[in-house]
């Protein structure tokens, strides 16, 4: 049931819908950050448009390295296929950005996270504006401080879309630190300034797989409707 407290997590847990283990994505993340994991963990998201605080905050925010996570003890967020959920109806959405957070929908600071067949929609209709820093991305990765970089990340079959007609364009997927053992495959990135960004020393970017990604409608980061502009990767 929603709100149940667990020991270290291991196995499959449901999020949203009828009688879930966790009512919201943030509830699941809180449990992760409090108790850690003792084995592979999968969060099966029921069909829903997930927002935090009316769409003003990050929907998926892992702010620290999760205790127990490893190359084998991974954490996966994906649609609950047993209830018919798919990438088209499991939507993580933000409708208001902020100067501080730059409008991130997912901010992840732990190794071992997999995002599979989820839609991330940036639909900001405000005029407040977000930080002009180039690290504004719909899905943003940065080390939680335990490891040098952020490692063992998988993003596959996701849709990262910008439907805002007001705000400047974000990046799609942004790695702020070095990354190793990272797989980014078969994603759709539509309406971003750049599709996929990886910063840091190239000598620490190892075992990277980029395959089958579709990157469309690159736009400027200066205005919402300015000239087409940007790099795919």
C-alpha atoms as a PDB file:
ATOM      1  CA  UNK A   1       0.000   0.000   0.000  1.00  0.00           C
ATOM      2  CA  UNK A   2       1.053   3.607  -0.499  1.00  0.00           C
ATOM      3  CA  UNK A   3       3.125   4.979   2.319  1.00  0.00           C
ATOM      4  CA  UNK A   4       4.446   1.594   3.486  1.00  0.00           C
ATOM      5  CA  UNK A   5       7.988   1.809   4.853  1.00  0.00           C
ATOM      6  CA  UNK A   6      10.456  -0.837   3.720  1.00  0.00           C
ATOM      7  CA  UNK A   7      13.861  -2.084   4.724  1.00  0.00           C
ATOM      8  CA  UNK A   8      16.458  -1.959   1.963  1.00  0.00           C
ATOM      9  CA  UNK A   9      14.585  -2.265  -1.308  1.00  0.00           C
ATOM     10  CA  UNK A  10      14.877  -5.221  -3.658  1.00  0.00           C
ATOM     11  CA  UNK A  11      12.520  -6.446  -6.347  1.00  0.00           C
ATOM     12  CA  UNK A  12       9.552  -4.825  -8.102  1.00  0.00           C
ATOM     13  CA  UNK A  13       7.320  -2.048  -6.759  1.00  0.00           C
ATOM     14  CA  UNK A  14       4.343  -0.289  -8.306  1.00  0.00           C
ATOM     15  CA  UNK A  15       3.862   3.481  -8.505  1.00  0.00           C
ATOM     16  CA  UNK A  16       0.554   5.292  -9.079  1.00  0.00           C
ATOM     17  CA  UNK A  17      -2.810   3.881 -10.004  1.00  0.00           C
ATOM     18  CA  UNK A  18      -4.936   1.634  -7.815  1.00  0.00           C
ATOM     19  CA  UNK A  19      -3.473   0.332  -4.542  1.00  0.00           C
ATOM     20  CA  UNK A  20       0.191   0.958  -5.447  1.00  0.00           C
ATOM     21  CA  UNK A  21       3.256   0.406  -3.315  1.00  0.00           C
ATOM     22  CA  UNK A  22       3.984   4.124  -3.745  1.00  0.00           C
ATOM     23  CA  UNK A  23       1.448   6.788  -4.672  1.00  0.00           C
ATOM     24  CA  UNK A  24       4.002   9.092  -6.308  1.00  0.00           C
ATOM     25  CA  UNK A  25       7.465   8.877  -7.810  1.00  0.00           C
ATOM     26  CA  UNK A  26       8.775  11.123  -5.044  1.00  0.00           C
ATOM     27  CA  UNK A  27       7.517   8.642  -2.422  1.00  0.00           C
ATOM     28  CA  UNK A  28       9.510   5.859  -4.072  1.00  0.00           C
ATOM     29  CA  UNK A  29      12.621   8.030  -4.259  1.00  0.00           C
ATOM     30  CA  UNK A  30      12.311   9.024  -0.604  1.00  0.00           C
ATOM     31  CA  UNK A  31      12.292   5.346   0.332  1.00  0.00           C
ATOM     32  CA  UNK A  32      15.345   4.732  -1.836  1.00  0.00           C
ATOM     33  CA  UNK A  33      17.258   7.585  -0.255  1.00  0.00           C
ATOM     34  CA  UNK A  34      16.308   6.574   3.271  1.00  0.00           C
ATOM     35  CA  UNK A  35      16.888   2.820   3.101  1.00  0.00           C
ATOM     36  CA  UNK A  36      18.998   2.074   0.017  1.00  0.00           C
ATOM     37  CA  UNK A  37      18.892  -1.167  -1.939  1.00  0.00           C
ATOM     38  CA  UNK A  38      20.005  -4.749  -1.333  1.00  0.00           C
ATOM     39  CA  UNK A  39      19.394  -5.997  -4.884  1.00  0.00           C
ATOM     40  CA  UNK A  40      18.081  -4.819  -8.260  1.00  0.00           C
ATOM     41  CA  UNK A  41      14.996  -2.618  -7.892  1.00  0.00           C
ATOM     42  CA  UNK A  42      12.322  -1.884 -10.486  1.00  0.00           C
ATOM     43  CA  UNK A  43       9.598   0.726 -10.139  1.00  0.00           C
ATOM     44  CA  UNK A  44       6.663  -0.074 -12.432  1.00  0.00           C
ATOM     45  CA  UNK A  45       4.774   3.154 -13.165  1.00  0.00           C
ATOM     46  CA  UNK A  46       1.062   2.939 -13.921  1.00  0.00           C
ATOM     47  CA  UNK A  47      -0.457   5.046 -16.685  1.00  0.00           C
ATOM     48  CA  UNK A  48      -0.547   8.663 -15.530  1.00  0.00           C
ATOM     49  CA  UNK A  49       0.818  12.147 -16.088  1.00  0.00           C
ATOM     50  CA  UNK A  50       3.149  12.609 -13.127  1.00  0.00           C
ATOM     51  CA  UNK A  51       3.764  16.134 -11.847  1.00  0.00           C
ATOM     52  CA  UNK A  52       5.204  17.503  -8.612  1.00  0.00           C
ATOM     53  CA  UNK A  53       3.600  20.447  -6.829  1.00  0.00           C
ATOM     54  CA  UNK A  54       1.341  21.354  -9.724  1.00  0.00           C
ATOM     55  CA  UNK A  55       4.069  20.919 -12.302  1.00  0.00           C
ATOM     56  CA  UNK A  56       6.480  23.408 -10.714  1.00  0.00           C
ATOM     57  CA  UNK A  57       9.142  20.970  -9.477  1.00  0.00           C
ATOM     58  CA  UNK A  58      11.306  18.076 -10.627  1.00  0.00           C
ATOM     59  CA  UNK A  59       9.288  14.899 -10.960  1.00  0.00           C
ATOM     60  CA  UNK A  60      12.171  12.442 -10.541  1.00  0.00           C
ATOM     61  CA  UNK A  61      14.798  13.859  -8.168  1.00  0.00           C
ATOM     62  CA  UNK A  62      17.443  11.533  -6.750  1.00  0.00           C
ATOM     63  CA  UNK A  63      19.655  13.938  -4.837  1.00  0.00           C
ATOM     64  CA  UNK A  64      22.301  11.538  -3.488  1.00  0.00           C
ATOM     65  CA  UNK A  65      24.144   8.312  -4.200  1.00  0.00           C
ATOM     66  CA  UNK A  66      21.812   5.461  -3.225  1.00  0.00           C
ATOM     67  CA  UNK A  67      23.289   3.108  -0.635  1.00  0.00           C
ATOM     68  CA  UNK A  68      23.882  -0.389  -2.010  1.00  0.00           C
ATOM     69  CA  UNK A  69      23.637   0.560  -5.686  1.00  0.00           C
ATOM     70  CA  UNK A  70      26.153  -1.128  -7.983  1.00  0.00           C
ATOM     71  CA  UNK A  71      26.633  -2.353 -11.520  1.00  0.00           C
ATOM     72  CA  UNK A  72      24.310  -5.262 -10.673  1.00  0.00           C
ATOM     73  CA  UNK A  73      22.093  -3.623  -8.019  1.00  0.00           C
ATOM     74  CA  UNK A  74      20.467  -1.150 -10.370  1.00  0.00           C
ATOM     75  CA  UNK A  75      17.346   1.006 -10.080  1.00  0.00           C
ATOM     76  CA  UNK A  76      14.892   0.990 -12.993  1.00  0.00           C
ATOM     77  CA  UNK A  77      11.915   3.246 -13.696  1.00  0.00           C
ATOM     78  CA  UNK A  78       9.604   1.918 -16.410  1.00  0.00           C
ATOM     79  CA  UNK A  79       5.915   1.593 -17.369  1.00  0.00           C
ATOM     80  CA  UNK A  80       3.924  -1.126 -15.633  1.00  0.00           C
ATOM     81  CA  UNK A  81       3.412  -3.398 -18.620  1.00  0.00           C
ATOM     82  CA  UNK A  82       1.164  -5.710 -16.611  1.00  0.00           C
ATOM     83  CA  UNK A  83      -1.476  -2.939 -16.526  1.00  0.00           C
ATOM     84  CA  UNK A  84      -0.968  -1.968 -20.171  1.00  0.00           C
ATOM     85  CA  UNK A  85       1.142   1.139 -19.464  1.00  0.00           C
ATOM     86  CA  UNK A  86       3.394   2.320 -22.297  1.00  0.00           C
ATOM     87  CA  UNK A  87       5.771   5.154 -23.111  1.00  0.00           C
ATOM     88  CA  UNK A  88       2.837   7.175 -24.465  1.00  0.00           C
ATOM     89  CA  UNK A  89       0.833   7.210 -21.243  1.00  0.00           C
ATOM     90  CA  UNK A  90       3.530   7.312 -18.560  1.00  0.00           C
ATOM     91  CA  UNK A  91       4.444  11.002 -18.743  1.00  0.00           C
ATOM     92  CA  UNK A  92       6.698  12.949 -16.386  1.00  0.00           C
ATOM     93  CA  UNK A  93       5.728  16.566 -16.978  1.00  0.00           C
ATOM     94  CA  UNK A  94       6.833  20.007 -15.889  1.00  0.00           C
ATOM     95  CA  UNK A  95       4.784  23.092 -16.697  1.00  0.00           C
ATOM     96  CA  UNK A  96       6.751  25.770 -14.798  1.00  0.00           C
ATOM     97  CA  UNK A  97      10.523  26.090 -14.756  1.00  0.00           C
ATOM     98  CA  UNK A  98      12.655  27.969 -12.260  1.00  0.00           C
ATOM     99  CA  UNK A  99      15.846  30.000 -12.357  1.00  0.00           C
ATOM    100  CA  UNK A 100      17.544  27.730  -9.825  1.00  0.00           C
ATOM    101  CA  UNK A 101      16.550  24.340 -11.207  1.00  0.00           C
ATOM    102  CA  UNK A 102      16.596  25.308 -14.871  1.00  0.00           C
ATOM    103  CA  UNK A 103      13.400  23.366 -15.470  1.00  0.00           C
ATOM    104  CA  UNK A 104      14.844  19.868 -15.037  1.00  0.00           C
ATOM    105  CA  UNK A 105      12.200  17.142 -15.097  1.00  0.00           C
ATOM    106  CA  UNK A 106      14.569  14.424 -13.888  1.00  0.00           C
ATOM    107  CA  UNK A 107      17.698  15.193 -11.875  1.00  0.00           C
ATOM    108  CA  UNK A 108      19.684  12.105 -10.946  1.00  0.00           C
ATOM    109  CA  UNK A 109      22.766  12.058  -8.709  1.00  0.00           C
ATOM    110  CA  UNK A 110      23.252   8.325  -8.241  1.00  0.00           C
ATOM    111  CA  UNK A 111      24.928   5.596 -10.227  1.00  0.00           C
ATOM    112  CA  UNK A 112      23.003   2.610 -11.498  1.00  0.00           C
ATOM    113  CA  UNK A 113      19.778   4.237 -12.705  1.00  0.00           C
ATOM    114  CA  UNK A 114      17.851   3.039 -15.752  1.00  0.00           C
ATOM    115  CA  UNK A 115      15.063   5.017 -17.442  1.00  0.00           C
ATOM    116  CA  UNK A 116      13.061   2.845 -19.807  1.00  0.00           C
ATOM    117  CA  UNK A 117      10.169   3.819 -22.090  1.00  0.00           C
ATOM    118  CA  UNK A 118       9.142   6.988 -20.246  1.00  0.00           C
ATOM    119  CA  UNK A 119       8.005  10.318 -21.694  1.00  0.00           C
ATOM    120  CA  UNK A 120       9.540  13.532 -20.311  1.00  0.00           C
ATOM    121  CA  UNK A 121       7.516  16.560 -21.375  1.00  0.00           C
ATOM    122  CA  UNK A 122       8.631  20.153 -20.872  1.00  0.00           C
ATOM    123  CA  UNK A 123       5.462  22.219 -21.292  1.00  0.00           C
ATOM    124  CA  UNK A 124       6.365  25.491 -19.575  1.00  0.00           C
ATOM    125  CA  UNK A 125       3.816  28.204 -20.344  1.00  0.00           C
ATOM    126  CA  UNK A 126       5.136  30.737 -17.837  1.00  0.00           C
ATOM    127  CA  UNK A 127       7.116  33.859 -18.663  1.00  0.00           C
ATOM    128  CA  UNK A 128       9.334  33.802 -15.579  1.00  0.00           C
ATOM    129  CA  UNK A 129      12.253  32.332 -17.469  1.00  0.00           C
ATOM    130  CA  UNK A 130      14.816  29.824 -16.347  1.00  0.00           C
ATOM    131  CA  UNK A 131      18.538  29.990 -15.782  1.00  0.00           C
ATOM    132  CA  UNK A 132      20.400  30.551 -19.083  1.00  0.00           C
ATOM    133  CA  UNK A 133      23.135  28.113 -18.031  1.00  0.00           C
ATOM    134  CA  UNK A 134      23.722  25.442 -20.652  1.00  0.00           C
ATOM    135  CA  UNK A 135      23.239  22.644 -18.109  1.00  0.00           C
ATOM    136  CA  UNK A 136      19.483  23.010 -18.418  1.00  0.00           C
ATOM    137  CA  UNK A 137      18.302  19.610 -19.581  1.00  0.00           C
ATOM    138  CA  UNK A 138      15.089  17.638 -19.359  1.00  0.00           C
ATOM    139  CA  UNK A 139      17.053  14.695 -17.948  1.00  0.00           C
ATOM    140  CA  UNK A 140      20.136  15.799 -15.985  1.00  0.00           C
ATOM    141  CA  UNK A 141      22.842  13.588 -14.439  1.00  0.00           C
ATOM    142  CA  UNK A 142      25.497  14.646 -11.945  1.00  0.00           C
ATOM    143  CA  UNK A 143      27.588  12.701  -9.458  1.00  0.00           C
ATOM    144  CA  UNK A 144      26.208  12.543  -5.929  1.00  0.00           C
ATOM    145  CA  UNK A 145      29.727  12.941  -4.577  1.00  0.00           C
ATOM    146  CA  UNK A 146      30.538   9.313  -3.787  1.00  0.00           C
ATOM    147  CA  UNK A 147      32.075   8.485  -7.156  1.00  0.00           C
ATOM    148  CA  UNK A 148      34.180  10.621  -9.465  1.00  0.00           C
ATOM    149  CA  UNK A 149      31.595  10.524 -12.214  1.00  0.00           C
ATOM    150  CA  UNK A 150      28.158   9.019 -12.700  1.00  0.00           C
ATOM    151  CA  UNK A 151      28.185   5.480 -13.969  1.00  0.00           C
ATOM    152  CA  UNK A 152      26.082   2.489 -15.042  1.00  0.00           C
ATOM    153  CA  UNK A 153      23.280   4.593 -16.528  1.00  0.00           C
ATOM    154  CA  UNK A 154      20.768   3.366 -19.107  1.00  0.00           C
ATOM    155  CA  UNK A 155      18.236   5.468 -21.034  1.00  0.00           C
ATOM    156  CA  UNK A 156      16.304   3.502 -23.610  1.00  0.00           C
ATOM    157  CA  UNK A 157      13.041   3.853 -25.503  1.00  0.00           C
ATOM    158  CA  UNK A 158      12.203   7.208 -23.900  1.00  0.00           C
ATOM    159  CA  UNK A 159      10.610  10.312 -25.422  1.00  0.00           C
ATOM    160  CA  UNK A 160      11.976  13.718 -24.420  1.00  0.00           C
ATOM    161  CA  UNK A 161       9.738  16.381 -25.876  1.00  0.00           C
ATOM    162  CA  UNK A 162       9.405  20.146 -25.561  1.00  0.00           C
ATOM    163  CA  UNK A 163       5.868  21.412 -26.062  1.00  0.00           C
ATOM    164  CA  UNK A 164       6.474  24.855 -24.556  1.00  0.00           C
ATOM    165  CA  UNK A 165       6.038  27.751 -26.975  1.00  0.00           C
ATOM    166  CA  UNK A 166       7.241  30.341 -24.459  1.00  0.00           C
ATOM    167  CA  UNK A 167      10.530  29.264 -22.951  1.00  0.00           C
ATOM    168  CA  UNK A 168      13.946  28.877 -24.505  1.00  0.00           C
ATOM    169  CA  UNK A 169      14.910  25.371 -25.525  1.00  0.00           C
ATOM    170  CA  UNK A 170      16.540  22.956 -23.074  1.00  0.00           C
ATOM    171  CA  UNK A 171      19.034  20.216 -23.736  1.00  0.00           C
ATOM    172  CA  UNK A 172      17.611  16.721 -24.010  1.00  0.00           C
ATOM    173  CA  UNK A 173      19.958  14.498 -21.971  1.00  0.00           C
ATOM    174  CA  UNK A 174      22.785  16.203 -20.054  1.00  0.00           C
ATOM    175  CA  UNK A 175      25.684  14.523 -18.234  1.00  0.00           C
ATOM    176  CA  UNK A 176      27.438  17.117 -16.081  1.00  0.00           C
ATOM    177  CA  UNK A 177      30.192  14.711 -14.965  1.00  0.00           C
ATOM    178  CA  UNK A 178      32.246  11.989 -16.608  1.00  0.00           C
ATOM    179  CA  UNK A 179      30.354   8.772 -17.170  1.00  0.00           C
ATOM    180  CA  UNK A 180      31.230   5.139 -17.731  1.00  0.00           C
ATOM    181  CA  UNK A 181      29.198   2.075 -18.699  1.00  0.00           C
ATOM    182  CA  UNK A 182      26.380   4.208 -20.079  1.00  0.00           C
ATOM    183  CA  UNK A 183      23.826   3.173 -22.691  1.00  0.00           C
ATOM    184  CA  UNK A 184      21.564   5.623 -24.537  1.00  0.00           C
ATOM    185  CA  UNK A 185      19.520   3.829 -27.186  1.00  0.00           C
ATOM    186  CA  UNK A 186      16.331   4.197 -29.223  1.00  0.00           C
ATOM    187  CA  UNK A 187      15.162   7.456 -27.654  1.00  0.00           C
ATOM    188  CA  UNK A 188      13.240  10.298 -29.324  1.00  0.00           C
ATOM    189  CA  UNK A 189      14.444  13.818 -28.474  1.00  0.00           C
ATOM    190  CA  UNK A 190      12.264  16.497 -30.056  1.00  0.00           C
ATOM    191  CA  UNK A 191      12.525  20.298 -29.752  1.00  0.00           C
ATOM    192  CA  UNK A 192      15.717  20.642 -27.706  1.00  0.00           C
ATOM    193  CA  UNK A 193      18.686  22.938 -28.214  1.00  0.00           C
ATOM    194  CA  UNK A 194      21.007  19.936 -28.300  1.00  0.00           C
ATOM    195  CA  UNK A 195      20.067  16.315 -28.028  1.00  0.00           C
ATOM    196  CA  UNK A 196      22.731  14.643 -25.877  1.00  0.00           C
ATOM    197  CA  UNK A 197      25.511  16.429 -23.965  1.00  0.00           C
ATOM    198  CA  UNK A 198      28.437  14.853 -22.080  1.00  0.00           C
ATOM    199  CA  UNK A 199      30.978  17.144 -20.413  1.00  0.00           C
ATOM    200  CA  UNK A 200      34.198  16.401 -18.564  1.00  0.00           C
ATOM    201  CA  UNK A 201      37.457  14.756 -19.545  1.00  0.00           C
ATOM    202  CA  UNK A 202      37.078  12.429 -22.509  1.00  0.00           C
ATOM    203  CA  UNK A 203      39.485   9.946 -20.884  1.00  0.00           C
ATOM    204  CA  UNK A 204      36.821   9.246 -18.271  1.00  0.00           C
ATOM    205  CA  UNK A 205      34.000   8.671 -20.755  1.00  0.00           C
ATOM    206  CA  UNK A 206      34.292   4.961 -21.377  1.00  0.00           C
ATOM    207  CA  UNK A 207      32.028   2.139 -22.494  1.00  0.00           C
ATOM    208  CA  UNK A 208      29.453   4.522 -23.948  1.00  0.00           C
ATOM    209  CA  UNK A 209      26.807   3.146 -26.310  1.00  0.00           C
ATOM    210  CA  UNK A 210      24.749   5.610 -28.385  1.00  0.00           C
ATOM    211  CA  UNK A 211      22.511   3.876 -30.884  1.00  0.00           C
ATOM    212  CA  UNK A 212      19.184   4.293 -32.655  1.00  0.00           C
ATOM    213  CA  UNK A 213      18.347   7.701 -31.160  1.00  0.00           C
ATOM    214  CA  UNK A 214      16.180  10.121 -33.161  1.00  0.00           C
ATOM    215  CA  UNK A 215      16.858  13.826 -32.580  1.00  0.00           C
ATOM    216  CA  UNK A 216      14.474  16.277 -34.243  1.00  0.00           C
ATOM    217  CA  UNK A 217      13.697  20.002 -34.422  1.00  0.00           C
ATOM    218  CA  UNK A 218      16.828  21.421 -32.802  1.00  0.00           C
ATOM    219  CA  UNK A 219      16.240  25.000 -31.662  1.00  0.00           C
ATOM    220  CA  UNK A 220      18.098  27.954 -30.269  1.00  0.00           C
ATOM    221  CA  UNK A 221      18.478  28.418 -26.509  1.00  0.00           C
ATOM    222  CA  UNK A 222      18.129  32.196 -26.864  1.00  0.00           C
ATOM    223  CA  UNK A 223      14.434  32.486 -27.629  1.00  0.00           C
ATOM    224  CA  UNK A 224      11.542  30.084 -27.679  1.00  0.00           C
ATOM    225  CA  UNK A 225      10.825  30.480 -31.358  1.00  0.00           C
ATOM    226  CA  UNK A 226      14.148  31.681 -32.750  1.00  0.00           C
ATOM    227  CA  UNK A 227      16.265  30.214 -35.500  1.00  0.00           C
ATOM    228  CA  UNK A 228      16.795  26.487 -35.744  1.00  0.00           C
ATOM    229  CA  UNK A 229      20.058  25.746 -34.003  1.00  0.00           C
ATOM    230  CA  UNK A 230      21.978  23.135 -32.059  1.00  0.00           C
ATOM    231  CA  UNK A 231      23.932  19.909 -32.126  1.00  0.00           C
ATOM    232  CA  UNK A 232      22.433  16.452 -32.079  1.00  0.00           C
ATOM    233  CA  UNK A 233      25.193  14.998 -29.897  1.00  0.00           C
END
